[in-house]
Protein backbone atom coordinates (compact mmCIF):
# COMPACT_ATOMS: atom_id res chain seq x y z
CA UNK A 1 -1.94 -17.89 -9.10
CA UNK A 2 -0.25 -14.77 -10.30
CA UNK A 3 3.11 -13.54 -9.21
CA UNK A 4 3.32 -10.44 -7.84
CA UNK A 5 6.52 -9.05 -9.33
CA UNK A 6 6.59 -5.52 -8.03
CA UNK A 7 4.27 -3.60 -5.44
CA UNK A 8 4.80 -0.09 -5.91
CA UNK A 9 3.21 3.06 -3.97
CA UNK A 10 2.88 5.85 -6.30
CA UNK A 11 0.69 8.82 -5.84
CA UNK A 12 0.03 9.00 -9.25
CA UNK A 13 -0.84 5.44 -10.53
CA UNK A 14 -0.20 4.51 -14.19
CA UNK A 15 1.69 7.67 -15.52
CA UNK A 16 3.25 7.24 -19.10
CA UNK A 17 6.52 6.21 -19.41
CA UNK A 18 7.68 6.04 -16.28
CA UNK A 19 5.26 3.13 -15.61
CA UNK A 20 6.43 1.96 -19.32
CA UNK A 21 9.37 1.36 -17.99
CA UNK A 22 8.83 -0.29 -14.66
CA UNK A 23 6.63 -2.61 -16.79
CA UNK A 24 9.51 -3.61 -18.76
CA UNK A 25 11.89 -3.85 -16.09
CA UNK A 26 9.50 -6.09 -13.87
CA UNK A 27 8.16 -8.30 -16.64
CA UNK A 28 4.56 -7.56 -15.74
CA UNK A 29 1.78 -8.30 -17.80
CA UNK A 30 -0.65 -7.21 -15.54
CA UNK A 31 -0.90 -4.28 -13.71
CA UNK A 32 -3.50 -4.36 -10.48
CA UNK A 33 -4.16 -0.67 -9.34
CA UNK A 34 -5.85 -0.42 -5.66
CA UNK A 35 -7.97 2.61 -5.59
CA UNK A 36 -11.21 3.09 -3.89
CA UNK A 37 -11.71 6.89 -5.96
CA UNK A 38 -10.25 5.34 -9.15
CA UNK A 39 -12.95 2.25 -8.54
CA UNK A 40 -15.75 4.47 -8.54
CA UNK A 41 -15.08 6.70 -10.82
CA UNK A 42 -15.59 4.79 -15.10
CA UNK A 43 -14.45 8.00 -16.61
CA UNK A 44 -11.04 8.80 -14.71
CA UNK A 45 -10.36 5.09 -14.72
CA UNK A 46 -10.61 5.14 -18.52
CA UNK A 47 -7.95 7.84 -18.46
CA UNK A 48 -5.58 5.58 -16.75
CA UNK A 49 -6.18 2.90 -19.03
CA UNK A 50 -4.83 4.90 -21.76
CA UNK A 51 -1.22 5.38 -20.05
CA UNK A 52 -1.16 1.96 -19.82
CA UNK A 53 1.68 -0.39 -22.33
CA UNK A 54 -0.75 -1.53 -24.71
CA UNK A 55 -0.31 -5.15 -24.26
CA UNK A 56 -0.86 -5.11 -20.11
CA UNK A 57 -3.70 -5.76 -19.16
CA UNK A 58 -4.91 -3.48 -16.12
CA UNK A 59 -7.49 -4.21 -13.74
CA UNK A 60 -8.54 -1.85 -10.85
CA UNK A 61 -10.22 -2.91 -7.43
CA UNK A 62 -11.19 -1.03 -4.02
CA UNK A 63 -9.05 -1.84 -1.13
CA UNK A 64 -12.08 -4.31 -0.08
CA UNK A 65 -12.44 -5.72 -4.02
CA UNK A 66 -8.70 -6.12 -4.09
CA UNK A 67 -8.90 -8.41 -1.24
CA UNK A 68 -11.67 -10.40 -2.29
CA UNK A 69 -9.86 -11.03 -5.57
CA UNK A 70 -6.91 -11.94 -4.03
CA UNK A 71 -8.55 -14.57 -1.75
CA UNK A 72 -10.74 -15.81 -5.09
CA UNK A 73 -8.23 -16.65 -7.22
CA UNK A 74 -4.60 -14.73 -6.21
CA UNK A 75 -5.01 -12.25 -9.45
CA UNK A 76 -5.56 -15.16 -11.56
CA UNK A 77 -2.37 -16.15 -13.93
CA UNK A 78 0.18 -13.58 -15.08
CA UNK A 79 3.17 -11.43 -13.75
CA UNK A 80 1.56 -8.36 -11.73
CA UNK A 81 2.81 -4.66 -10.74
CA UNK A 82 0.39 -4.35 -7.95
CA UNK A 83 -0.07 -0.61 -7.67
CA UNK A 84 -1.01 1.09 -4.66
CA UNK A 85 -1.63 4.92 -4.28
CA UNK A 86 -0.51 5.75 -0.48
CA UNK A 87 1.21 3.75 2.45
CA UNK A 88 -2.23 3.70 4.02
CA UNK A 89 -3.66 1.31 1.31
CA UNK A 90 -0.61 -0.90 1.46
CA UNK A 91 -1.29 -1.68 5.18
CA UNK A 92 -4.63 -2.62 4.53
CA UNK A 93 -3.71 -4.18 1.71
CA UNK A 94 -1.10 -6.32 3.70
CA UNK A 95 -2.87 -6.87 6.63
CA UNK A 96 -5.59 -8.11 4.50
CA UNK A 97 -3.66 -10.89 3.42
CA UNK A 98 -1.77 -9.85 0.49
CA UNK A 99 1.70 -10.29 1.95
CA UNK A 100 4.26 -9.18 -0.45
CA UNK A 101 7.88 -9.60 0.21
CA UNK A 102 8.78 -6.30 -1.01
CA UNK A 103 7.16 -2.68 -1.75
CA UNK A 104 8.95 0.06 -3.76
CA UNK A 105 7.75 3.70 -2.53
CA UNK A 106 8.02 5.38 -6.17
CA UNK A 107 6.04 9.11 -5.66
CA UNK A 108 4.05 10.32 -2.65
CA UNK A 109 3.32 13.96 -3.11
CA UNK A 110 3.41 16.77 -1.24
CA UNK A 111 1.09 18.18 1.38
CA UNK A 112 1.49 20.16 4.91
CA UNK A 113 3.50 18.08 7.61
CA UNK A 114 5.47 16.13 5.02
CA UNK A 115 9.06 16.10 4.45
CA UNK A 116 10.80 15.60 1.51
CA UNK A 117 12.72 12.78 1.56
CA UNK A 118 14.02 11.69 -1.70
CA UNK A 119 13.31 13.42 -4.92
CA UNK A 120 9.57 13.63 -5.25
CA UNK A 121 9.04 11.32 -2.13
CA UNK A 122 7.53 12.74 0.74
CA UNK A 123 6.62 10.98 3.81
CA UNK A 124 4.94 12.03 7.60
CA UNK A 125 4.72 10.57 10.71
CA UNK A 126 1.93 8.07 9.71
CA UNK A 127 4.14 7.22 6.75
CA UNK A 128 7.01 6.53 8.82
CA UNK A 129 4.97 4.25 11.32
CA UNK A 130 3.45 2.51 8.67
CA UNK A 131 7.04 1.86 7.00
CA UNK A 132 8.49 0.85 10.35
CA UNK A 133 5.84 -1.62 10.76
CA UNK A 134 6.02 -3.39 7.83
CA UNK A 135 9.58 -3.50 8.08
CA UNK A 136 9.36 -5.37 11.33
CA UNK A 137 7.33 -7.95 9.90
CA UNK A 138 10.10 -8.61 7.36
CA UNK A 139 8.88 -6.49 4.03
CA UNK A 140 11.53 -4.83 2.21
CA UNK A 141 11.32 -1.49 1.69
CA UNK A 142 12.92 0.37 -1.45
CA UNK A 143 12.62 3.92 -2.67
CA UNK A 144 13.20 4.30 -6.33
CA UNK A 145 11.22 6.81 -8.81
CA UNK A 146 12.88 5.61 -12.35
CA UNK A 147 14.47 2.45 -12.81
CA UNK A 148 17.54 4.33 -13.54
CA UNK A 149 17.56 5.54 -9.73
CA UNK A 150 19.91 3.48 -7.17
CA UNK A 151 17.43 1.87 -4.65
CA UNK A 152 17.71 3.91 -1.70
CA UNK A 153 17.45 2.00 1.52
CA UNK A 154 14.89 2.50 4.02
CA UNK A 155 17.14 3.53 7.06
CA UNK A 156 19.04 6.08 5.35
CA UNK A 157 15.18 7.83 4.40
CA UNK A 158 14.61 7.62 7.89
CA UNK A 159 17.45 9.21 8.48
CA UNK A 160 16.69 12.38 6.07
CA UNK A 161 13.12 12.16 7.47
CA UNK A 162 14.35 12.83 10.96
CA UNK A 163 17.11 15.24 9.84
CA UNK A 164 14.36 17.69 8.66
């Protein structure tokens, strides 16, 4: 059974130097990407693979596929960086049985009705509901875009959200 060493939410998924830093810091030797869109698009998947560190295995699954893989063999062997594009996907994966104990929110881009809460991270009401629900279930949630940033706790992020 693989060990999930980092569960990261980042709409950019695999993106160059930032991902290399997180792989190095976490000690991951495998990245498991959960994205319905990417799983259906082999060309785009190849582009993302080029951004991954060369010595790291990368697997991409749909939401349904990642739950099947988890039930099959818990991602096999190694140390996994679980990478998801948004909080809706995170909740579905968590509720489907991949019960991570911690989540790092690293990048959620802007759109209408979203509020900036920390650097390039934005939230909307649906995100706040998901985060609150996961925290109530005992999941430790931090916001951190790069390893050099001090991790921000959910409590402070929610205060910023409600002040905007």
